[in-house]
Amino acid sequence: LHEKLYENKSLKEIEVALYTNELIQFIK
């Protein structure tokens, strides 16, 4: 989550779809 935040320009919010897909890949 912190990785997605510092990669995002807004630094306030994340794109749920991208975060979910990466989280799924990590858990798998």
mmCIF file of all heavy atoms, coordinates in Angstrom:
data_MODEL
# 
_entry.id   MODEL 
# 
loop_
_atom_site.group_PDB 
_atom_site.id 
_atom_site.type_symbol 
_atom_site.label_atom_id 
_atom_site.label_alt_id 
_atom_site.label_comp_id 
_atom_site.label_asym_id 
_atom_site.label_entity_id 
_atom_site.label_seq_id 
_atom_site.pdbx_PDB_ins_code 
_atom_site.Cartn_x 
_atom_site.Cartn_y 
_atom_site.Cartn_z 
_atom_site.occupancy 
_atom_site.B_iso_or_equiv 
_atom_site.pdbx_formal_charge 
_atom_site.auth_seq_id 
_atom_site.auth_comp_id 
_atom_site.auth_asym_id 
_atom_site.auth_atom_id 
_atom_site.pdbx_PDB_model_num 
ATOM 1   N N   . LEU A 1 1  ? 0.833  -1.206  0.000   1.00 0.00 ? 1  LEU A N   1 
ATOM 2   C CA  . LEU A 1 1  ? 0.000  0.000   0.000   1.00 0.00 ? 1  LEU A CA  1 
ATOM 3   C C   . LEU A 1 1  ? 0.866  1.253   0.000   1.00 0.00 ? 1  LEU A C   1 
ATOM 4   O O   . LEU A 1 1  ? 0.621  2.190   -0.776  1.00 0.00 ? 1  LEU A O   1 
ATOM 5   C CB  . LEU A 1 1  ? -0.919 -0.019  1.226   1.00 0.00 ? 1  LEU A CB  1 
ATOM 6   C CG  . LEU A 1 1  ? -1.798 1.217   1.436   1.00 0.00 ? 1  LEU A CG  1 
ATOM 7   C CD1 . LEU A 1 1  ? -2.783 1.381   0.276   1.00 0.00 ? 1  LEU A CD1 1 
ATOM 8   C CD2 . LEU A 1 1  ? -2.558 1.119   2.755   1.00 0.00 ? 1  LEU A CD2 1 
ATOM 9   N N   . HIS A 1 2  ? 1.889  1.290   0.861   1.00 0.00 ? 2  HIS A N   1 
ATOM 10  C CA  . HIS A 1 2  ? 2.790  2.452   0.888   1.00 0.00 ? 2  HIS A CA  1 
ATOM 11  C C   . HIS A 1 2  ? 3.560  2.589   -0.419  1.00 0.00 ? 2  HIS A C   1 
ATOM 12  O O   . HIS A 1 2  ? 3.826  3.697   -0.892  1.00 0.00 ? 2  HIS A O   1 
ATOM 13  C CB  . HIS A 1 2  ? 3.770  2.328   2.063   1.00 0.00 ? 2  HIS A CB  1 
ATOM 14  C CG  . HIS A 1 2  ? 3.152  2.635   3.386   1.00 0.00 ? 2  HIS A CG  1 
ATOM 15  N ND1 . HIS A 1 2  ? 2.938  3.928   3.822   1.00 0.00 ? 2  HIS A ND1 1 
ATOM 16  C CD2 . HIS A 1 2  ? 2.683  1.829   4.369   1.00 0.00 ? 2  HIS A CD2 1 
ATOM 17  C CE1 . HIS A 1 2  ? 2.381  3.904   5.017   1.00 0.00 ? 2  HIS A CE1 1 
ATOM 18  N NE2 . HIS A 1 2  ? 2.209  2.641   5.382   1.00 0.00 ? 2  HIS A NE2 1 
ATOM 19  N N   . GLU A 1 3  ? 3.885  1.464   -1.029  1.00 0.00 ? 3  GLU A N   1 
ATOM 20  C CA  . GLU A 1 3  ? 4.574  1.505   -2.320  1.00 0.00 ? 3  GLU A CA  1 
ATOM 21  C C   . GLU A 1 3  ? 3.688  2.147   -3.379  1.00 0.00 ? 3  GLU A C   1 
ATOM 22  O O   . GLU A 1 3  ? 4.137  2.981   -4.166  1.00 0.00 ? 3  GLU A O   1 
ATOM 23  C CB  . GLU A 1 3  ? 4.964  0.088   -2.721  1.00 0.00 ? 3  GLU A CB  1 
ATOM 24  C CG  . GLU A 1 3  ? 5.727  0.030   -4.054  1.00 0.00 ? 3  GLU A CG  1 
ATOM 25  C CD  . GLU A 1 3  ? 6.087  -1.393  -4.445  1.00 0.00 ? 3  GLU A CD  1 
ATOM 26  O OE1 . GLU A 1 3  ? 6.010  -2.286  -3.583  1.00 0.00 ? 3  GLU A OE1 1 
ATOM 27  O OE2 . GLU A 1 3  ? 6.438  -1.605  -5.621  1.00 0.00 ? 3  GLU A OE2 1 
ATOM 28  N N   . LYS A 1 4  ? 2.410  1.771   -3.396  1.00 0.00 ? 4  LYS A N   1 
ATOM 29  C CA  . LYS A 1 4  ? 1.474  2.351   -4.364  1.00 0.00 ? 4  LYS A CA  1 
ATOM 30  C C   . LYS A 1 4  ? 1.264  3.849   -4.107  1.00 0.00 ? 4  LYS A C   1 
ATOM 31  O O   . LYS A 1 4  ? 1.084  4.627   -5.047  1.00 0.00 ? 4  LYS A O   1 
ATOM 32  C CB  . LYS A 1 4  ? 0.128  1.626   -4.301  1.00 0.00 ? 4  LYS A CB  1 
ATOM 33  C CG  . LYS A 1 4  ? 0.137  0.190   -4.779  1.00 0.00 ? 4  LYS A CG  1 
ATOM 34  C CD  . LYS A 1 4  ? 0.430  0.121   -6.252  1.00 0.00 ? 4  LYS A CD  1 
ATOM 35  C CE  . LYS A 1 4  ? 1.615  -0.777  -6.532  1.00 0.00 ? 4  LYS A CE  1 
ATOM 36  N NZ  . LYS A 1 4  ? 2.110  -0.708  -7.890  1.00 0.00 ? 4  LYS A NZ  1 
ATOM 37  N N   . LEU A 1 5  ? 1.296  4.233   -2.847  1.00 0.00 ? 5  LEU A N   1 
ATOM 38  C CA  . LEU A 1 5  ? 1.071  5.653   -2.516  1.00 0.00 ? 5  LEU A CA  1 
ATOM 39  C C   . LEU A 1 5  ? 2.225  6.524   -2.989  1.00 0.00 ? 5  LEU A C   1 
ATOM 40  O O   . LEU A 1 5  ? 2.014  7.600   -3.544  1.00 0.00 ? 5  LEU A O   1 
ATOM 41  C CB  . LEU A 1 5  ? 0.860  5.816   -1.002  1.00 0.00 ? 5  LEU A CB  1 
ATOM 42  C CG  . LEU A 1 5  ? -0.526 5.409   -0.485  1.00 0.00 ? 5  LEU A CG  1 
ATOM 43  C CD1 . LEU A 1 5  ? -0.538 5.369   1.026   1.00 0.00 ? 5  LEU A CD1 1 
ATOM 44  C CD2 . LEU A 1 5  ? -1.593 6.388   -0.986  1.00 0.00 ? 5  LEU A CD2 1 
ATOM 45  N N   . TYR A 1 6  ? 3.472  6.091   -2.756  1.00 0.00 ? 6  TYR A N   1 
ATOM 46  C CA  . TYR A 1 6  ? 4.574  6.966   -3.189  1.00 0.00 ? 6  TYR A CA  1 
ATOM 47  C C   . TYR A 1 6  ? 4.785  6.905   -4.701  1.00 0.00 ? 6  TYR A C   1 
ATOM 48  O O   . TYR A 1 6  ? 5.399  7.792   -5.287  1.00 0.00 ? 6  TYR A O   1 
ATOM 49  C CB  . TYR A 1 6  ? 5.858  6.703   -2.407  1.00 0.00 ? 6  TYR A CB  1 
ATOM 50  C CG  . TYR A 1 6  ? 6.664  5.480   -2.792  1.00 0.00 ? 6  TYR A CG  1 
ATOM 51  C CD1 . TYR A 1 6  ? 7.387  5.423   -3.994  1.00 0.00 ? 6  TYR A CD1 1 
ATOM 52  C CD2 . TYR A 1 6  ? 6.777  4.396   -1.924  1.00 0.00 ? 6  TYR A CD2 1 
ATOM 53  C CE1 . TYR A 1 6  ? 8.139  4.322   -4.326  1.00 0.00 ? 6  TYR A CE1 1 
ATOM 54  C CE2 . TYR A 1 6  ? 7.544  3.288   -2.255  1.00 0.00 ? 6  TYR A CE2 1 
ATOM 55  C CZ  . TYR A 1 6  ? 8.218  3.261   -3.460  1.00 0.00 ? 6  TYR A CZ  1 
ATOM 56  O OH  . TYR A 1 6  ? 8.976  2.165   -3.806  1.00 0.00 ? 6  TYR A OH  1 
ATOM 57  N N   . GLU A 1 7  ? 4.260  5.858   -5.349  1.00 0.00 ? 7  GLU A N   1 
ATOM 58  C CA  . GLU A 1 7  ? 4.308  5.827   -6.818  1.00 0.00 ? 7  GLU A CA  1 
ATOM 59  C C   . GLU A 1 7  ? 3.205  6.686   -7.422  1.00 0.00 ? 7  GLU A C   1 
ATOM 60  O O   . GLU A 1 7  ? 3.334  7.155   -8.557  1.00 0.00 ? 7  GLU A O   1 
ATOM 61  C CB  . GLU A 1 7  ? 4.156  4.377   -7.307  1.00 0.00 ? 7  GLU A CB  1 
ATOM 62  C CG  . GLU A 1 7  ? 5.385  3.522   -7.063  1.00 0.00 ? 7  GLU A CG  1 
ATOM 63  C CD  . GLU A 1 7  ? 5.174  2.088   -7.514  1.00 0.00 ? 7  GLU A CD  1 
ATOM 64  O OE1 . GLU A 1 7  ? 4.026  1.768   -7.907  1.00 0.00 ? 7  GLU A OE1 1 
ATOM 65  O OE2 . GLU A 1 7  ? 6.138  1.309   -7.477  1.00 0.00 ? 7  GLU A OE2 1 
ATOM 66  N N   . ASN A 1 8  ? 2.122  6.887   -6.668  1.00 0.00 ? 8  ASN A N   1 
ATOM 67  C CA  . ASN A 1 8  ? 0.996  7.693   -7.162  1.00 0.00 ? 8  ASN A CA  1 
ATOM 68  C C   . ASN A 1 8  ? 1.320  9.173   -7.021  1.00 0.00 ? 8  ASN A C   1 
ATOM 69  O O   . ASN A 1 8  ? 1.927  9.618   -6.049  1.00 0.00 ? 8  ASN A O   1 
ATOM 70  C CB  . ASN A 1 8  ? -0.266 7.356   -6.349  1.00 0.00 ? 8  ASN A CB  1 
ATOM 71  C CG  . ASN A 1 8  ? -1.522 7.790   -7.081  1.00 0.00 ? 8  ASN A CG  1 
ATOM 72  O OD1 . ASN A 1 8  ? -1.467 8.556   -8.035  1.00 0.00 ? 8  ASN A OD1 1 
ATOM 73  N ND2 . ASN A 1 8  ? -2.660 7.313   -6.628  1.00 0.00 ? 8  ASN A ND2 1 
ATOM 74  N N   . LYS A 1 9  ? 0.855  9.976   -7.997  1.00 0.00 ? 9  LYS A N   1 
ATOM 75  C CA  . LYS A 1 9  ? 1.146  11.420  -7.990  1.00 0.00 ? 9  LYS A CA  1 
ATOM 76  C C   . LYS A 1 9  ? 0.443  12.142  -6.859  1.00 0.00 ? 9  LYS A C   1 
ATOM 77  O O   . LYS A 1 9  ? 0.945  13.113  -6.316  1.00 0.00 ? 9  LYS A O   1 
ATOM 78  C CB  . LYS A 1 9  ? 0.755  12.039  -9.328  1.00 0.00 ? 9  LYS A CB  1 
ATOM 79  C CG  . LYS A 1 9  ? 1.607  11.562  -10.490 1.00 0.00 ? 9  LYS A CG  1 
ATOM 80  C CD  . LYS A 1 9  ? 1.188  12.240  -11.788 1.00 0.00 ? 9  LYS A CD  1 
ATOM 81  C CE  . LYS A 1 9  ? 2.060  11.770  -12.949 1.00 0.00 ? 9  LYS A CE  1 
ATOM 82  N NZ  . LYS A 1 9  ? 1.653  12.417  -14.229 1.00 0.00 ? 9  LYS A NZ  1 
ATOM 83  N N   . SER A 1 10 ? -0.766 11.695  -6.507  1.00 0.00 ? 10 SER A N   1 
ATOM 84  C CA  . SER A 1 10 ? -1.542 12.411  -5.499  1.00 0.00 ? 10 SER A CA  1 
ATOM 85  C C   . SER A 1 10 ? -1.029 12.172  -4.079  1.00 0.00 ? 10 SER A C   1 
ATOM 86  O O   . SER A 1 10 ? -1.225 13.000  -3.202  1.00 0.00 ? 10 SER A O   1 
ATOM 87  C CB  . SER A 1 10 ? -3.018 12.003  -5.575  1.00 0.00 ? 10 SER A CB  1 
ATOM 88  O OG  . SER A 1 10 ? -3.187 10.682  -5.115  1.00 0.00 ? 10 SER A OG  1 
ATOM 89  N N   . LEU A 1 11 ? -0.396 11.021  -3.821  1.00 0.00 ? 11 LEU A N   1 
ATOM 90  C CA  . LEU A 1 11 ? 0.123  10.645  -2.502  1.00 0.00 ? 11 LEU A CA  1 
ATOM 91  C C   . LEU A 1 11 ? -0.978 10.534  -1.454  1.00 0.00 ? 11 LEU A C   1 
ATOM 92  O O   . LEU A 1 11 ? -0.705 10.404  -0.268  1.00 0.00 ? 11 LEU A O   1 
ATOM 93  C CB  . LEU A 1 11 ? 1.176  11.656  -2.004  1.00 0.00 ? 11 LEU A CB  1 
ATOM 94  C CG  . LEU A 1 11 ? 2.440  11.792  -2.857  1.00 0.00 ? 11 LEU A CG  1 
ATOM 95  C CD1 . LEU A 1 11 ? 3.307  12.915  -2.330  1.00 0.00 ? 11 LEU A CD1 1 
ATOM 96  C CD2 . LEU A 1 11 ? 3.218  10.483  -2.861  1.00 0.00 ? 11 LEU A CD2 1 
ATOM 97  N N   . LYS A 1 12 ? -2.226 10.618  -1.877  1.00 0.00 ? 12 LYS A N   1 
ATOM 98  C CA  . LYS A 1 12 ? -3.345 10.566  -0.930  1.00 0.00 ? 12 LYS A CA  1 
ATOM 99  C C   . LYS A 1 12 ? -4.210 9.335   -1.128  1.00 0.00 ? 12 LYS A C   1 
ATOM 100 O O   . LYS A 1 12 ? -4.849 8.858   -0.189  1.00 0.00 ? 12 LYS A O   1 
ATOM 101 C CB  . LYS A 1 12 ? -4.236 11.805  -1.100  1.00 0.00 ? 12 LYS A CB  1 
ATOM 102 C CG  . LYS A 1 12 ? -3.647 13.088  -0.577  1.00 0.00 ? 12 LYS A CG  1 
ATOM 103 C CD  . LYS A 1 12 ? -4.583 14.245  -0.841  1.00 0.00 ? 12 LYS A CD  1 
ATOM 104 C CE  . LYS A 1 12 ? -5.926 14.039  -0.179  1.00 0.00 ? 12 LYS A CE  1 
ATOM 105 N NZ  . LYS A 1 12 ? -6.880 15.126  -0.462  1.00 0.00 ? 12 LYS A NZ  1 
ATOM 106 N N   . GLU A 1 13 ? -4.240 8.808   -2.343  1.00 0.00 ? 13 GLU A N   1 
ATOM 107 C CA  . GLU A 1 13 ? -5.156 7.716   -2.637  1.00 0.00 ? 13 GLU A CA  1 
ATOM 108 C C   . GLU A 1 13 ? -4.524 6.738   -3.612  1.00 0.00 ? 13 GLU A C   1 
ATOM 109 O O   . GLU A 1 13 ? -3.545 7.071   -4.297  1.00 0.00 ? 13 GLU A O   1 
ATOM 110 C CB  . GLU A 1 13 ? -6.454 8.273   -3.225  1.00 0.00 ? 13 GLU A CB  1 
ATOM 111 C CG  . GLU A 1 13 ? -6.251 9.119   -4.470  1.00 0.00 ? 13 GLU A CG  1 
ATOM 112 C CD  . GLU A 1 13 ? -7.521 9.802   -4.939  1.00 0.00 ? 13 GLU A CD  1 
ATOM 113 O OE1 . GLU A 1 13 ? -8.425 9.978   -4.123  1.00 0.00 ? 13 GLU A OE1 1 
ATOM 114 O OE2 . GLU A 1 13 ? -7.581 10.153  -6.138  1.00 0.00 ? 13 GLU A OE2 1 
ATOM 115 N N   . ILE A 1 14 ? -5.083 5.551   -3.645  1.00 0.00 ? 14 ILE A N   1 
ATOM 116 C CA  . ILE A 1 14 ? -4.565 4.519   -4.542  1.00 0.00 ? 14 ILE A CA  1 
ATOM 117 C C   . ILE A 1 14 ? -5.682 4.043   -5.463  1.00 0.00 ? 14 ILE A C   1 
ATOM 118 O O   . ILE A 1 14 ? -6.865 4.168   -5.138  1.00 0.00 ? 14 ILE A O   1 
ATOM 119 C CB  . ILE A 1 14 ? -3.990 3.318   -3.756  1.00 0.00 ? 14 ILE A CB  1 
ATOM 120 C CG1 . ILE A 1 14 ? -5.109 2.643   -2.936  1.00 0.00 ? 14 ILE A CG1 1 
ATOM 121 C CG2 . ILE A 1 14 ? -2.836 3.731   -2.879  1.00 0.00 ? 14 ILE A CG2 1 
ATOM 122 C CD1 . ILE A 1 14 ? -4.742 1.271   -2.459  1.00 0.00 ? 14 ILE A CD1 1 
ATOM 123 N N   . GLU A 1 15 ? -5.257 3.497   -6.593  1.00 0.00 ? 15 GLU A N   1 
ATOM 124 C CA  . GLU A 1 15 ? -6.205 2.891   -7.517  1.00 0.00 ? 15 GLU A CA  1 
ATOM 125 C C   . GLU A 1 15 ? -6.444 1.455   -7.061  1.00 0.00 ? 15 GLU A C   1 
ATOM 126 O O   . GLU A 1 15 ? -5.526 0.617   -7.045  1.00 0.00 ? 15 GLU A O   1 
ATOM 127 C CB  . GLU A 1 15 ? -5.636 2.926   -8.933  1.00 0.00 ? 15 GLU A CB  1 
ATOM 128 C CG  . GLU A 1 15 ? -6.606 2.443   -9.990  1.00 0.00 ? 15 GLU A CG  1 
ATOM 129 C CD  . GLU A 1 15 ? -5.994 2.490   -11.376 1.00 0.00 ? 15 GLU A CD  1 
ATOM 130 O OE1 . GLU A 1 15 ? -4.981 3.193   -11.563 1.00 0.00 ? 15 GLU A OE1 1 
ATOM 131 O OE2 . GLU A 1 15 ? -6.530 1.797   -12.271 1.00 0.00 ? 15 GLU A OE2 1 
ATOM 132 N N   . VAL A 1 16 ? -7.674 1.166   -6.674  1.00 0.00 ? 16 VAL A N   1 
ATOM 133 C CA  . VAL A 1 16 ? -8.001 -0.107  -6.035  1.00 0.00 ? 16 VAL A CA  1 
ATOM 134 C C   . VAL A 1 16 ? -7.724 -1.297  -6.954  1.00 0.00 ? 16 VAL A C   1 
ATOM 135 O O   . VAL A 1 16 ? -7.192 -2.331  -6.509  1.00 0.00 ? 16 VAL A O   1 
ATOM 136 C CB  . VAL A 1 16 ? -9.478 -0.119  -5.584  1.00 0.00 ? 16 VAL A CB  1 
ATOM 137 C CG1 . VAL A 1 16 ? -9.862 -1.484  -5.020  1.00 0.00 ? 16 VAL A CG1 1 
ATOM 138 C CG2 . VAL A 1 16 ? -9.712 0.959   -4.532  1.00 0.00 ? 16 VAL A CG2 1 
ATOM 139 N N   . ALA A 1 17 ? -8.069 -1.187  -8.220  1.00 0.00 ? 17 ALA A N   1 
ATOM 140 C CA  . ALA A 1 17 ? -7.902 -2.303  -9.154  1.00 0.00 ? 17 ALA A CA  1 
ATOM 141 C C   . ALA A 1 17 ? -6.436 -2.722  -9.248  1.00 0.00 ? 17 ALA A C   1 
ATOM 142 O O   . ALA A 1 17 ? -6.096 -3.920  -9.171  1.00 0.00 ? 17 ALA A O   1 
ATOM 143 C CB  . ALA A 1 17 ? -8.448 -1.933  -10.524 1.00 0.00 ? 17 ALA A CB  1 
ATOM 144 N N   . LEU A 1 18 ? -5.536 -1.752  -9.413  1.00 0.00 ? 18 LEU A N   1 
ATOM 145 C CA  . LEU A 1 18 ? -4.110 -2.050  -9.537  1.00 0.00 ? 18 LEU A CA  1 
ATOM 146 C C   . LEU A 1 18 ? -3.558 -2.646  -8.240  1.00 0.00 ? 18 LEU A C   1 
ATOM 147 O O   . LEU A 1 18 ? -2.814 -3.640  -8.253  1.00 0.00 ? 18 LEU A O   1 
ATOM 148 C CB  . LEU A 1 18 ? -3.359 -0.769  -9.897  1.00 0.00 ? 18 LEU A CB  1 
ATOM 149 C CG  . LEU A 1 18 ? -1.852 -0.902  -10.114 1.00 0.00 ? 18 LEU A CG  1 
ATOM 150 C CD1 . LEU A 1 18 ? -1.564 -1.845  -11.287 1.00 0.00 ? 18 LEU A CD1 1 
ATOM 151 C CD2 . LEU A 1 18 ? -1.230 0.467   -10.379 1.00 0.00 ? 18 LEU A CD2 1 
ATOM 152 N N   . TYR A 1 19 ? -3.957 -2.032  -7.114  1.00 0.00 ? 19 TYR A N   1 
ATOM 153 C CA  . TYR A 1 19 ? -3.492 -2.522  -5.811  1.00 0.00 ? 19 TYR A CA  1 
ATOM 154 C C   . TYR A 1 19 ? -3.988 -3.948  -5.547  1.00 0.00 ? 19 TYR A C   1 
ATOM 155 O O   . TYR A 1 19 ? -3.228 -4.815  -5.093  1.00 0.00 ? 19 TYR A O   1 
ATOM 156 C CB  . TYR A 1 19 ? -3.976 -1.568  -4.717  1.00 0.00 ? 19 TYR A CB  1 
ATOM 157 C CG  . TYR A 1 19 ? -3.711 -2.048  -3.314  1.00 0.00 ? 19 TYR A CG  1 
ATOM 158 C CD1 . TYR A 1 19 ? -2.411 -2.194  -2.834  1.00 0.00 ? 19 TYR A CD1 1 
ATOM 159 C CD2 . TYR A 1 19 ? -4.763 -2.372  -2.455  1.00 0.00 ? 19 TYR A CD2 1 
ATOM 160 C CE1 . TYR A 1 19 ? -2.166 -2.631  -1.535  1.00 0.00 ? 19 TYR A CE1 1 
ATOM 161 C CE2 . TYR A 1 19 ? -4.531 -2.811  -1.162  1.00 0.00 ? 19 TYR A CE2 1 
ATOM 162 C CZ  . TYR A 1 19 ? -3.230 -2.945  -0.708  1.00 0.00 ? 19 TYR A CZ  1 
ATOM 163 O OH  . TYR A 1 19 ? -2.989 -3.376  0.573   1.00 0.00 ? 19 TYR A OH  1 
ATOM 164 N N   . THR A 1 20 ? -5.237 -4.218  -5.854  1.00 0.00 ? 20 THR A N   1 
ATOM 165 C CA  . THR A 1 20 ? -5.820 -5.546  -5.623  1.00 0.00 ? 20 THR A CA  1 
ATOM 166 C C   . THR A 1 20 ? -5.115 -6.613  -6.454  1.00 0.00 ? 20 THR A C   1 
ATOM 167 O O   . THR A 1 20 ? -4.787 -7.703  -5.959  1.00 0.00 ? 20 THR A O   1 
ATOM 168 C CB  . THR A 1 20 ? -7.320 -5.523  -5.953  1.00 0.00 ? 20 THR A CB  1 
ATOM 169 O OG1 . THR A 1 20 ? -7.974 -4.557  -5.134  1.00 0.00 ? 20 THR A OG1 1 
ATOM 170 C CG2 . THR A 1 20 ? -7.946 -6.890  -5.706  1.00 0.00 ? 20 THR A CG2 1 
ATOM 171 N N   . ASN A 1 21 ? -4.861 -6.302  -7.724  1.00 0.00 ? 21 ASN A N   1 
ATOM 172 C CA  . ASN A 1 21 ? -4.208 -7.283  -8.603  1.00 0.00 ? 21 ASN A CA  1 
ATOM 173 C C   . ASN A 1 21 ? -2.787 -7.607  -8.126  1.00 0.00 ? 21 ASN A C   1 
ATOM 174 O O   . ASN A 1 21 ? -2.369 -8.767  -8.134  1.00 0.00 ? 21 ASN A O   1 
ATOM 175 C CB  . ASN A 1 21 ? -4.172 -6.763  -10.037 1.00 0.00 ? 21 ASN A CB  1 
ATOM 176 C CG  . ASN A 1 21 ? -5.553 -6.767  -10.677 1.00 0.00 ? 21 ASN A CG  1 
ATOM 177 O OD1 . ASN A 1 21 ? -6.400 -7.599  -10.348 1.00 0.00 ? 21 ASN A OD1 1 
ATOM 178 N ND2 . ASN A 1 21 ? -5.798 -5.824  -11.579 1.00 0.00 ? 21 ASN A ND2 1 
ATOM 179 N N   . GLU A 1 22 ? -2.051 -6.606  -7.674  1.00 0.00 ? 22 GLU A N   1 
ATOM 180 C CA  . GLU A 1 22 ? -0.693 -6.856  -7.189  1.00 0.00 ? 22 GLU A CA  1 
ATOM 181 C C   . GLU A 1 22 ? -0.720 -7.615  -5.869  1.00 0.00 ? 22 GLU A C   1 
ATOM 182 O O   . GLU A 1 22 ? 0.141  -8.474  -5.606  1.00 0.00 ? 22 GLU A O   1 
ATOM 183 C CB  . GLU A 1 22 ? 0.058  -5.528  -7.036  1.00 0.00 ? 22 GLU A CB  1 
ATOM 184 C CG  . GLU A 1 22 ? 0.369  -4.859  -8.360  1.00 0.00 ? 22 GLU A CG  1 
ATOM 185 C CD  . GLU A 1 22 ? 1.451  -3.797  -8.236  1.00 0.00 ? 22 GLU A CD  1 
ATOM 186 O OE1 . GLU A 1 22 ? 2.210  -3.848  -7.258  1.00 0.00 ? 22 GLU A OE1 1 
ATOM 187 O OE2 . GLU A 1 22 ? 1.519  -2.930  -9.125  1.00 0.00 ? 22 GLU A OE2 1 
ATOM 188 N N   . LEU A 1 23 ? -1.712 -7.267  -5.013  1.00 0.00 ? 23 LEU A N   1 
ATOM 189 C CA  . LEU A 1 23 ? -1.836 -7.984  -3.745  1.00 0.00 ? 23 LEU A CA  1 
ATOM 190 C C   . LEU A 1 23 ? -2.170 -9.461  -3.980  1.00 0.00 ? 23 LEU A C   1 
ATOM 191 O O   . LEU A 1 23 ? -1.621 -10.361 -3.313  1.00 0.00 ? 23 LEU A O   1 
ATOM 192 C CB  . LEU A 1 23 ? -2.922 -7.335  -2.884  1.00 0.00 ? 23 LEU A CB  1 
ATOM 193 C CG  . LEU A 1 23 ? -3.146 -7.921  -1.482  1.00 0.00 ? 23 LEU A CG  1 
ATOM 194 C CD1 . LEU A 1 23 ? -1.884 -7.777  -0.647  1.00 0.00 ? 23 LEU A CD1 1 
ATOM 195 C CD2 . LEU A 1 23 ? -4.321 -7.228  -0.798  1.00 0.00 ? 23 LEU A CD2 1 
ATOM 196 N N   . ILE A 1 24 ? -3.023 -9.739  -4.953  1.00 0.00 ? 24 ILE A N   1 
ATOM 197 C CA  . ILE A 1 24 ? -3.386 -11.123 -5.287  1.00 0.00 ? 24 ILE A CA  1 
ATOM 198 C C   . ILE A 1 24 ? -2.150 -11.886 -5.772  1.00 0.00 ? 24 ILE A C   1 
ATOM 199 O O   . ILE A 1 24 ? -1.902 -13.040 -5.365  1.00 0.00 ? 24 ILE A O   1 
ATOM 200 C CB  . ILE A 1 24 ? -4.495 -11.140 -6.354  1.00 0.00 ? 24 ILE A CB  1 
ATOM 201 C CG1 . ILE A 1 24 ? -5.816 -10.662 -5.758  1.00 0.00 ? 24 ILE A CG1 1 
ATOM 202 C CG2 . ILE A 1 24 ? -4.660 -12.538 -6.948  1.00 0.00 ? 24 ILE A CG2 1 
ATOM 203 C CD1 . ILE A 1 24 ? -6.916 -10.425 -6.778  1.00 0.00 ? 24 ILE A CD1 1 
ATOM 204 N N   . GLN A 1 25 ? -1.368 -11.254 -6.645  1.00 0.00 ? 25 GLN A N   1 
ATOM 205 C CA  . GLN A 1 25 ? -0.166 -11.910 -7.165  1.00 0.00 ? 25 GLN A CA  1 
ATOM 206 C C   . GLN A 1 25 ? 0.809  -12.240 -6.042  1.00 0.00 ? 25 GLN A C   1 
ATOM 207 O O   . GLN A 1 25 ? 1.414  -13.324 -6.010  1.00 0.00 ? 25 GLN A O   1 
ATOM 208 C CB  . GLN A 1 25 ? 0.514  -11.018 -8.216  1.00 0.00 ? 25 GLN A CB  1 
ATOM 209 C CG  . GLN A 1 25 ? -0.271 -10.838 -9.495  1.00 0.00 ? 25 GLN A CG  1 
ATOM 210 C CD  . GLN A 1 25 ? -0.561 -12.159 -10.191 1.00 0.00 ? 25 GLN A CD  1 
ATOM 211 O OE1 . GLN A 1 25 ? 0.307  -13.049 -10.272 1.00 0.00 ? 25 GLN A OE1 1 
ATOM 212 N NE2 . GLN A 1 25 ? -1.790 -12.317 -10.684 1.00 0.00 ? 25 GLN A NE2 1 
ATOM 213 N N   . PHE A 1 26 ? 0.954  -11.315 -5.094  1.00 0.00 ? 26 PHE A N   1 
ATOM 214 C CA  . PHE A 1 26 ? 1.876  -11.553 -3.976  1.00 0.00 ? 26 PHE A CA  1 
ATOM 215 C C   . PHE A 1 26 ? 1.397  -12.721 -3.114  1.00 0.00 ? 26 PHE A C   1 
ATOM 216 O O   . PHE A 1 26 ? 2.179  -13.606 -2.738  1.00 0.00 ? 26 PHE A O   1 
ATOM 217 C CB  . PHE A 1 26 ? 2.005  -10.288 -3.124  1.00 0.00 ? 26 PHE A CB  1 
ATOM 218 C CG  . PHE A 1 26 ? 2.623  -10.530 -1.786  1.00 0.00 ? 26 PHE A CG  1 
ATOM 219 C CD1 . PHE A 1 26 ? 3.980  -10.792 -1.666  1.00 0.00 ? 26 PHE A CD1 1 
ATOM 220 C CD2 . PHE A 1 26 ? 1.837  -10.553 -0.626  1.00 0.00 ? 26 PHE A CD2 1 
ATOM 221 C CE1 . PHE A 1 26 ? 4.551  -11.048 -0.414  1.00 0.00 ? 26 PHE A CE1 1 
ATOM 222 C CE2 . PHE A 1 26 ? 2.396  -10.802 0.606   1.00 0.00 ? 26 PHE A CE2 1 
ATOM 223 C CZ  . PHE A 1 26 ? 3.760  -11.056 0.717   1.00 0.00 ? 26 PHE A CZ  1 
ATOM 224 N N   . ILE A 1 27 ? 0.096  -12.747 -2.796  1.00 0.00 ? 27 ILE A N   1 
ATOM 225 C CA  . ILE A 1 27 ? -0.447 -13.819 -1.947  1.00 0.00 ? 27 ILE A CA  1 
ATOM 226 C C   . ILE A 1 27 ? -0.322 -15.168 -2.656  1.00 0.00 ? 27 ILE A C   1 
ATOM 227 O O   . ILE A 1 27 ? 0.041  -16.190 -2.035  1.00 0.00 ? 27 ILE A O   1 
ATOM 228 C CB  . ILE A 1 27 ? -1.914 -13.526 -1.582  1.00 0.00 ? 27 ILE A CB  1 
ATOM 229 C CG1 . ILE A 1 27 ? -1.999 -12.256 -0.714  1.00 0.00 ? 27 ILE A CG1 1 
ATOM 230 C CG2 . ILE A 1 27 ? -2.532 -14.692 -0.834  1.00 0.00 ? 27 ILE A CG2 1 
ATOM 231 C CD1 . ILE A 1 27 ? -3.412 -11.786 -0.446  1.00 0.00 ? 27 ILE A CD1 1 
ATOM 232 N N   . LYS A 1 28 ? -0.588 -15.202 -3.941  1.00 0.00 ? 28 LYS A N   1 
ATOM 233 C CA  . LYS A 1 28 ? -0.478 -16.455 -4.698  1.00 0.00 ? 28 LYS A CA  1 
ATOM 234 C C   . LYS A 1 28 ? 0.956  -16.976 -4.671  1.00 0.00 ? 28 LYS A C   1 
ATOM 235 O O   . LYS A 1 28 ? 1.194  -18.180 -4.523  1.00 0.00 ? 28 LYS A O   1 
ATOM 236 C CB  . LYS A 1 28 ? -0.939 -16.240 -6.140  1.00 0.00 ? 28 LYS A CB  1 
ATOM 237 C CG  . LYS A 1 28 ? -2.442 -16.059 -6.261  1.00 0.00 ? 28 LYS A CG  1 
ATOM 238 C CD  . LYS A 1 28 ? -2.843 -15.726 -7.690  1.00 0.00 ? 28 LYS A CD  1 
ATOM 239 C CE  . LYS A 1 28 ? -2.712 -16.927 -8.595  1.00 0.00 ? 28 LYS A CE  1 
ATOM 240 N NZ  . LYS A 1 28 ? -3.254 -16.651 -9.939  1.00 0.00 ? 28 LYS A NZ  1 
# 
